[in-house]
Amino acid sequence: MTDTAKPDVPDAVQVFEEHRGRLRAVAYRVLGSFSDAEDVVQNAWLRWYGVEIATIDDPEAYLVRITTRLAIDRLRSAQSRRESYVGPWLPEPVLTSPDVAENVVLSDSVSTAMLLVLETLSPIERAVFVLREAFGYPYGTIGEIVGRSEATACQTARHAREHVEARRTRYDTDLATRSAVTERFLAASAGGDLARLIEVLAPDVSLVSDGGGLAPAPRKAIHGVDLVARALVTFAGRMPEEANIHLVMLNGGPGIVVRSGLTPLAAISLHLVDGAVRTIHLVSNPEKLAGLRDL
């Protein structure tokens, strides 16, 4: 019996699973969507299953190239859908491990604040930025992944970096401070204590809520310490009595997840400047909480 072109299935599965985490991480940073990233990785698997492994010199490079190109295509279609999104659009929250939070580069690249800035890049620029800044791929490899020359990849990365630096806010990165403020924020908001809540908020704090038209949420961002504090207390008061609250590592830093039984209801990320909460991202759109179900 002669060998066929079909890959050895156990080997194909083993090699793919070795790189699944990296593929998901790349896709999520390019897309800002956990569900879209999962779909992209699944499609990458389908393409991987159809190749002859023996002909692939570098499986990681091959899989990252497939995944990145699929993510770029998905992002192009997603951008048009986001134009008609109800209310503010925020990235889908995901649980992250403590080692991600301790790595400033990795935690920054997956934070909701950074993912929002990346939304202002073109799909190619975003992919190049992610591959270079978050994962450190050389420009030659990046060029091969996105179908550009090394020189073009280098130029694109430089332009994307300048674009991001001009638009990002430098939030606090000290993990101990962020954890302590998150705990104080949670105690005050859950207890309806406006005075204690105001103590942890910056005077120019903003609250951005993403309900997607499927959960109660303000259709515009709320600004100012008094209005934000009252909105948070109102939100806490609307939670079901059986709701339970978890302090977790969310998008590379301390965060809050509210659940009712096994169902996630909301995810909250706090972004600090000089130890005070400057920006709050609150996601309650049920279609965006799939990444929190394994809590």
Protein backbone atom coordinates (compact mmCIF):
# COMPACT_ATOMS: atom_id res chain seq x y z
CA MET A 1 0.00 0.00 0.00
CA THR A 2 1.41 3.40 -0.94
CA ASP A 3 1.27 6.52 1.22
CA THR A 4 -1.32 9.13 0.28
CA ALA A 5 -1.04 12.92 0.46
CA LYS A 6 -3.33 13.02 3.49
CA PRO A 7 -1.37 14.01 6.62
CA ASP A 8 -0.96 11.63 9.50
CA VAL A 9 -3.89 12.70 11.68
CA PRO A 10 -2.30 12.24 15.15
CA ASP A 11 0.76 14.23 14.05
CA ALA A 12 -1.40 16.94 12.52
CA VAL A 13 -3.41 17.30 15.72
CA GLN A 14 -0.34 17.27 17.95
CA VAL A 15 1.50 19.93 15.96
CA PHE A 16 -1.55 22.17 15.75
CA GLU A 17 -2.31 21.89 19.47
CA GLU A 18 1.28 22.88 20.26
CA HIS A 19 0.64 26.20 18.55
CA ARG A 20 -3.07 26.75 19.29
CA GLY A 21 -2.40 29.17 22.15
CA ARG A 22 -0.14 31.34 20.01
CA LEU A 23 -2.65 31.32 17.14
CA ARG A 24 -5.52 32.33 19.42
CA ALA A 25 -3.41 35.08 20.97
CA VAL A 26 -2.51 36.52 17.56
CA ALA A 27 -6.08 36.32 16.25
CA TYR A 28 -7.58 37.93 19.36
CA ARG A 29 -5.20 40.89 19.27
CA VAL A 30 -5.86 41.44 15.57
CA LEU A 31 -9.65 41.15 15.97
CA GLY A 32 -10.48 42.27 19.51
CA SER A 33 -13.11 39.53 19.52
CA PHE A 34 -12.84 36.22 21.35
CA SER A 35 -15.56 34.55 19.29
CA ASP A 36 -14.10 35.73 15.97
CA ALA A 37 -10.64 34.61 17.08
CA GLU A 38 -11.97 31.13 17.90
CA ASP A 39 -13.59 30.92 14.46
CA VAL A 40 -10.36 31.99 12.78
CA VAL A 41 -8.32 29.38 14.66
CA GLN A 42 -10.86 26.70 13.73
CA ASN A 43 -10.61 27.70 10.06
CA ALA A 44 -6.84 27.60 10.33
CA TRP A 45 -7.12 24.03 11.61
CA LEU A 46 -9.25 23.04 8.63
CA ARG A 47 -6.60 24.38 6.27
CA TRP A 48 -3.80 22.76 8.26
CA TYR A 49 -5.51 19.38 8.09
CA GLY A 50 -5.36 19.50 4.32
CA VAL A 51 -1.58 19.93 3.98
CA GLU A 52 1.26 17.41 3.94
CA ILE A 53 3.14 18.11 7.16
CA ALA A 54 6.39 16.71 5.82
CA THR A 55 6.52 19.55 3.28
CA ILE A 56 6.30 22.27 5.96
CA ASP A 57 9.72 23.42 7.21
CA ASP A 58 8.39 25.72 9.97
CA PRO A 59 4.90 24.74 11.22
CA GLU A 60 4.62 27.77 13.54
CA ALA A 61 5.38 30.26 10.78
CA TYR A 62 2.99 28.47 8.44
CA LEU A 63 0.16 28.42 10.99
CA VAL A 64 0.69 32.02 12.09
CA ARG A 65 0.60 33.08 8.43
CA ILE A 66 -2.68 31.27 7.81
CA THR A 67 -4.21 32.59 11.03
CA THR A 68 -3.11 36.17 10.48
CA ARG A 69 -4.42 36.30 6.92
CA LEU A 70 -7.74 34.80 8.01
CA ALA A 71 -7.92 37.35 10.84
CA ILE A 72 -7.23 40.23 8.45
CA ASP A 73 -10.05 39.08 6.17
CA ARG A 74 -12.40 38.69 9.16
CA LEU A 75 -11.46 42.12 10.48
CA ARG A 76 -12.29 43.79 7.17
CA SER A 77 -15.83 42.43 7.29
CA ALA A 78 -16.16 43.11 11.02
CA GLN A 79 -15.31 46.80 10.63
CA SER A 80 -18.36 47.39 8.45
CA ARG A 81 -20.59 45.64 11.01
CA ARG A 82 -19.23 47.80 13.82
CA GLU A 83 -20.36 50.94 12.02
CA SER A 84 -23.97 49.98 12.75
CA TYR A 85 -23.30 48.70 16.28
CA VAL A 86 -25.74 49.95 18.94
CA GLY A 87 -23.93 52.17 21.45
CA PRO A 88 -20.19 52.15 22.15
CA TRP A 89 -18.21 49.16 20.85
CA LEU A 90 -15.69 47.54 23.20
CA PRO A 91 -13.44 44.51 22.64
CA GLU A 92 -14.65 41.19 24.00
CA PRO A 93 -13.17 40.60 27.47
CA VAL A 94 -11.05 37.50 28.04
CA LEU A 95 -9.55 35.86 31.09
CA THR A 96 -5.76 35.96 31.13
CA SER A 97 -3.16 34.20 33.24
CA PRO A 98 -1.04 35.94 35.90
CA ASP A 99 2.12 35.56 33.80
CA VAL A 100 0.53 37.74 31.11
CA ALA A 101 -0.21 40.46 33.68
CA GLU A 102 3.39 40.38 34.91
CA ASN A 103 4.71 40.91 31.37
CA VAL A 104 4.11 44.59 30.63
CA VAL A 105 4.35 44.18 26.84
CA LEU A 106 1.93 41.25 26.68
CA SER A 107 -0.54 42.75 29.16
CA ASP A 108 -0.56 46.09 27.35
CA SER A 109 -1.13 44.44 23.97
CA VAL A 110 -4.26 42.66 25.22
CA SER A 111 -5.75 45.47 27.34
CA THR A 112 -9.10 46.83 26.20
CA ALA A 113 -7.59 50.33 26.06
CA MET A 114 -4.90 49.22 23.61
CA LEU A 115 -7.31 47.11 21.56
CA LEU A 116 -9.49 50.19 21.11
CA VAL A 117 -6.53 52.18 19.81
CA LEU A 118 -5.72 49.34 17.41
CA GLU A 119 -9.24 49.73 16.01
CA THR A 120 -8.04 52.97 14.39
CA LEU A 121 -5.44 51.12 12.28
CA SER A 122 -6.05 49.46 8.93
CA PRO A 123 -6.26 45.64 9.09
CA ILE A 124 -2.75 45.22 7.63
CA GLU A 125 -1.28 47.85 9.97
CA ARG A 126 -2.94 46.21 12.95
CA ALA A 127 -1.64 42.76 12.05
CA VAL A 128 1.89 44.07 11.51
CA PHE A 129 1.80 46.00 14.80
CA VAL A 130 0.61 42.95 16.74
CA LEU A 131 3.16 40.61 15.19
CA ARG A 132 6.01 43.03 15.87
CA GLU A 133 5.13 44.67 19.18
CA ALA A 134 3.39 41.81 20.99
CA PHE A 135 5.27 38.81 19.60
CA GLY A 136 8.56 40.23 18.37
CA TYR A 137 8.62 38.64 14.92
CA PRO A 138 11.39 39.98 12.63
CA TYR A 139 10.31 42.17 9.76
CA GLY A 140 11.23 39.57 7.16
CA THR A 141 8.93 37.03 8.78
CA ILE A 142 6.16 39.60 9.17
CA GLY A 143 6.47 40.49 5.49
CA GLU A 144 6.04 36.84 4.54
CA ILE A 145 3.04 36.50 6.84
CA VAL A 146 1.12 39.49 5.45
CA GLY A 147 2.36 39.19 1.87
CA ARG A 148 4.60 42.26 1.83
CA SER A 149 8.32 42.88 1.40
CA GLU A 150 10.55 43.17 4.46
CA ALA A 151 11.06 46.88 3.77
CA THR A 152 7.32 47.47 3.48
CA ALA A 153 6.67 45.54 6.68
CA CYS A 154 9.24 47.68 8.49
CA GLN A 155 7.70 50.90 7.16
CA THR A 156 4.18 49.74 8.03
CA ALA A 157 5.25 48.81 11.56
CA ARG A 158 6.87 52.22 12.07
CA HIS A 159 3.77 54.06 10.84
CA ALA A 160 1.48 51.91 13.01
CA ARG A 161 3.66 52.48 16.07
CA GLU A 162 3.65 56.25 15.58
CA HIS A 163 -0.12 56.17 15.07
CA VAL A 164 -0.65 54.19 18.29
CA GLU A 165 1.72 56.32 20.36
CA ALA A 166 -0.09 59.49 19.26
CA ARG A 167 -3.48 58.16 20.35
CA ARG A 168 -2.90 56.03 23.42
CA THR A 169 -3.19 57.09 27.04
CA ARG A 170 -0.35 55.99 29.32
CA TYR A 171 -2.16 54.12 32.07
CA ASP A 172 -0.57 52.81 35.28
CA THR A 173 1.06 49.40 34.94
CA ASP A 174 1.95 48.62 38.57
CA LEU A 175 0.06 45.43 39.31
CA ALA A 176 -0.14 45.90 43.09
CA THR A 177 -1.65 49.38 42.76
CA ARG A 178 -4.14 48.25 40.14
CA SER A 179 -5.22 45.28 42.27
CA ALA A 180 -5.68 47.41 45.40
CA VAL A 181 -7.72 50.07 43.57
CA THR A 182 -9.86 47.40 41.90
CA GLU A 183 -10.70 45.90 45.30
CA ARG A 184 -11.61 49.32 46.72
CA PHE A 185 -13.68 50.11 43.62
CA LEU A 186 -15.58 46.85 43.94
CA ALA A 187 -16.30 47.25 47.65
CA ALA A 188 -17.59 50.78 47.18
CA SER A 189 -19.71 50.18 44.08
CA ALA A 190 -21.21 46.90 45.33
CA GLY A 191 -22.04 48.54 48.64
CA GLY A 192 -23.57 51.60 47.02
CA ASP A 193 -21.13 53.86 48.86
CA LEU A 194 -20.88 56.95 46.67
CA ALA A 195 -18.35 58.72 48.89
CA ARG A 196 -15.91 55.79 48.93
CA LEU A 197 -16.40 55.23 45.21
CA ILE A 198 -15.61 58.84 44.39
CA GLU A 199 -12.35 58.48 46.36
CA VAL A 200 -10.94 56.01 43.80
CA LEU A 201 -12.18 57.87 40.69
CA ALA A 202 -10.27 60.61 38.89
CA PRO A 203 -12.20 63.90 38.50
CA ASP A 204 -12.24 63.43 34.71
CA VAL A 205 -13.14 59.73 34.82
CA SER A 206 -15.09 58.23 31.89
CA LEU A 207 -17.39 55.21 31.84
CA VAL A 208 -17.83 53.39 28.53
CA SER A 209 -20.53 50.72 28.56
CA ASP A 210 -21.10 48.14 25.83
CA GLY A 211 -24.51 46.50 25.93
CA GLY A 212 -24.83 46.17 22.17
CA GLY A 213 -28.55 46.87 22.40
CA LEU A 214 -28.97 43.49 24.13
CA ALA A 215 -28.43 44.60 27.73
CA PRO A 216 -29.25 47.85 29.55
CA ALA A 217 -26.36 50.27 29.02
CA PRO A 218 -25.89 53.98 28.29
CA ARG A 219 -25.72 54.63 24.54
CA LYS A 220 -22.94 57.19 25.08
CA ALA A 221 -19.91 57.43 27.33
CA ILE A 222 -20.45 59.11 30.71
CA HIS A 223 -17.89 61.66 31.90
CA GLY A 224 -17.18 63.23 35.28
CA VAL A 225 -16.79 61.75 38.73
CA ASP A 226 -20.30 62.45 40.06
CA LEU A 227 -22.19 61.13 37.03
CA VAL A 228 -19.97 58.07 36.70
CA ALA A 229 -20.23 57.20 40.40
CA ARG A 230 -24.02 57.40 40.31
CA ALA A 231 -24.19 55.34 37.13
CA LEU A 232 -22.06 52.62 38.72
CA VAL A 233 -24.18 52.48 41.85
CA THR A 234 -27.30 52.26 39.67
CA PHE A 235 -25.72 49.43 37.66
CA ALA A 236 -24.82 47.53 40.84
CA GLY A 237 -28.37 47.95 42.13
CA ARG A 238 -29.78 46.33 38.99
CA MET A 239 -27.80 43.11 39.44
CA PRO A 240 -29.82 40.02 40.44
CA GLU A 241 -29.73 39.16 44.15
CA GLU A 242 -28.08 35.83 43.37
CA ALA A 243 -25.31 37.46 41.34
CA ASN A 244 -21.78 36.69 42.46
CA ILE A 245 -18.73 38.84 41.81
CA HIS A 246 -15.22 37.65 41.02
CA LEU A 247 -11.93 39.51 41.02
CA VAL A 248 -10.03 38.02 38.08
CA MET A 249 -7.15 38.66 35.69
CA LEU A 250 -8.96 40.22 32.77
CA ASN A 251 -7.28 41.36 29.56
CA GLY A 252 -3.87 41.39 31.16
CA GLY A 253 -4.77 43.07 34.45
CA PRO A 254 -7.06 43.03 37.49
CA GLY A 255 -10.72 43.05 36.54
CA ILE A 256 -14.21 42.22 37.74
CA VAL A 257 -16.64 39.64 36.40
CA VAL A 258 -20.28 39.49 37.54
CA ARG A 259 -22.07 36.17 37.13
CA SER A 260 -25.46 34.68 37.84
CA GLY A 261 -24.93 30.98 38.32
CA LEU A 262 -22.82 29.89 35.35
CA THR A 263 -23.86 32.84 33.20
CA PRO A 264 -21.56 35.87 32.98
CA LEU A 265 -23.48 39.14 33.16
CA ALA A 266 -20.77 41.76 32.92
CA ALA A 267 -17.04 42.37 32.83
CA ILE A 268 -15.37 45.52 34.13
CA SER A 269 -11.85 46.74 33.38
CA LEU A 270 -10.34 49.74 35.17
CA HIS A 271 -7.59 51.92 33.70
CA LEU A 272 -5.65 54.08 36.15
CA VAL A 273 -3.59 57.24 35.92
CA ASP A 274 -1.55 58.22 38.99
CA GLY A 275 -3.43 55.70 41.11
CA ALA A 276 -6.94 56.94 40.27
CA VAL A 277 -9.44 55.35 37.89
CA ARG A 278 -9.45 57.40 34.68
CA THR A 279 -11.38 55.07 32.36
CA ILE A 280 -13.86 52.25 33.03
CA HIS A 281 -14.82 49.71 30.37
CA LEU A 282 -17.98 47.78 31.18
CA VAL A 283 -19.18 45.04 28.84
CA SER A 284 -22.65 43.56 29.40
CA ASN A 285 -23.51 42.47 25.86
CA PRO A 286 -24.20 38.74 26.40
CA GLU A 287 -22.81 37.90 22.96
CA LYS A 288 -19.42 39.25 24.04
CA LEU A 289 -19.00 37.28 27.26
CA ALA A 290 -18.19 33.83 25.87
CA GLY A 291 -14.55 34.19 26.89
CA LEU A 292 -15.60 34.28 30.55
CA ARG A 293 -17.62 31.08 30.72
CA ASP A 294 -14.75 28.93 32.00
CA LEU A 295 -14.26 31.01 35.15
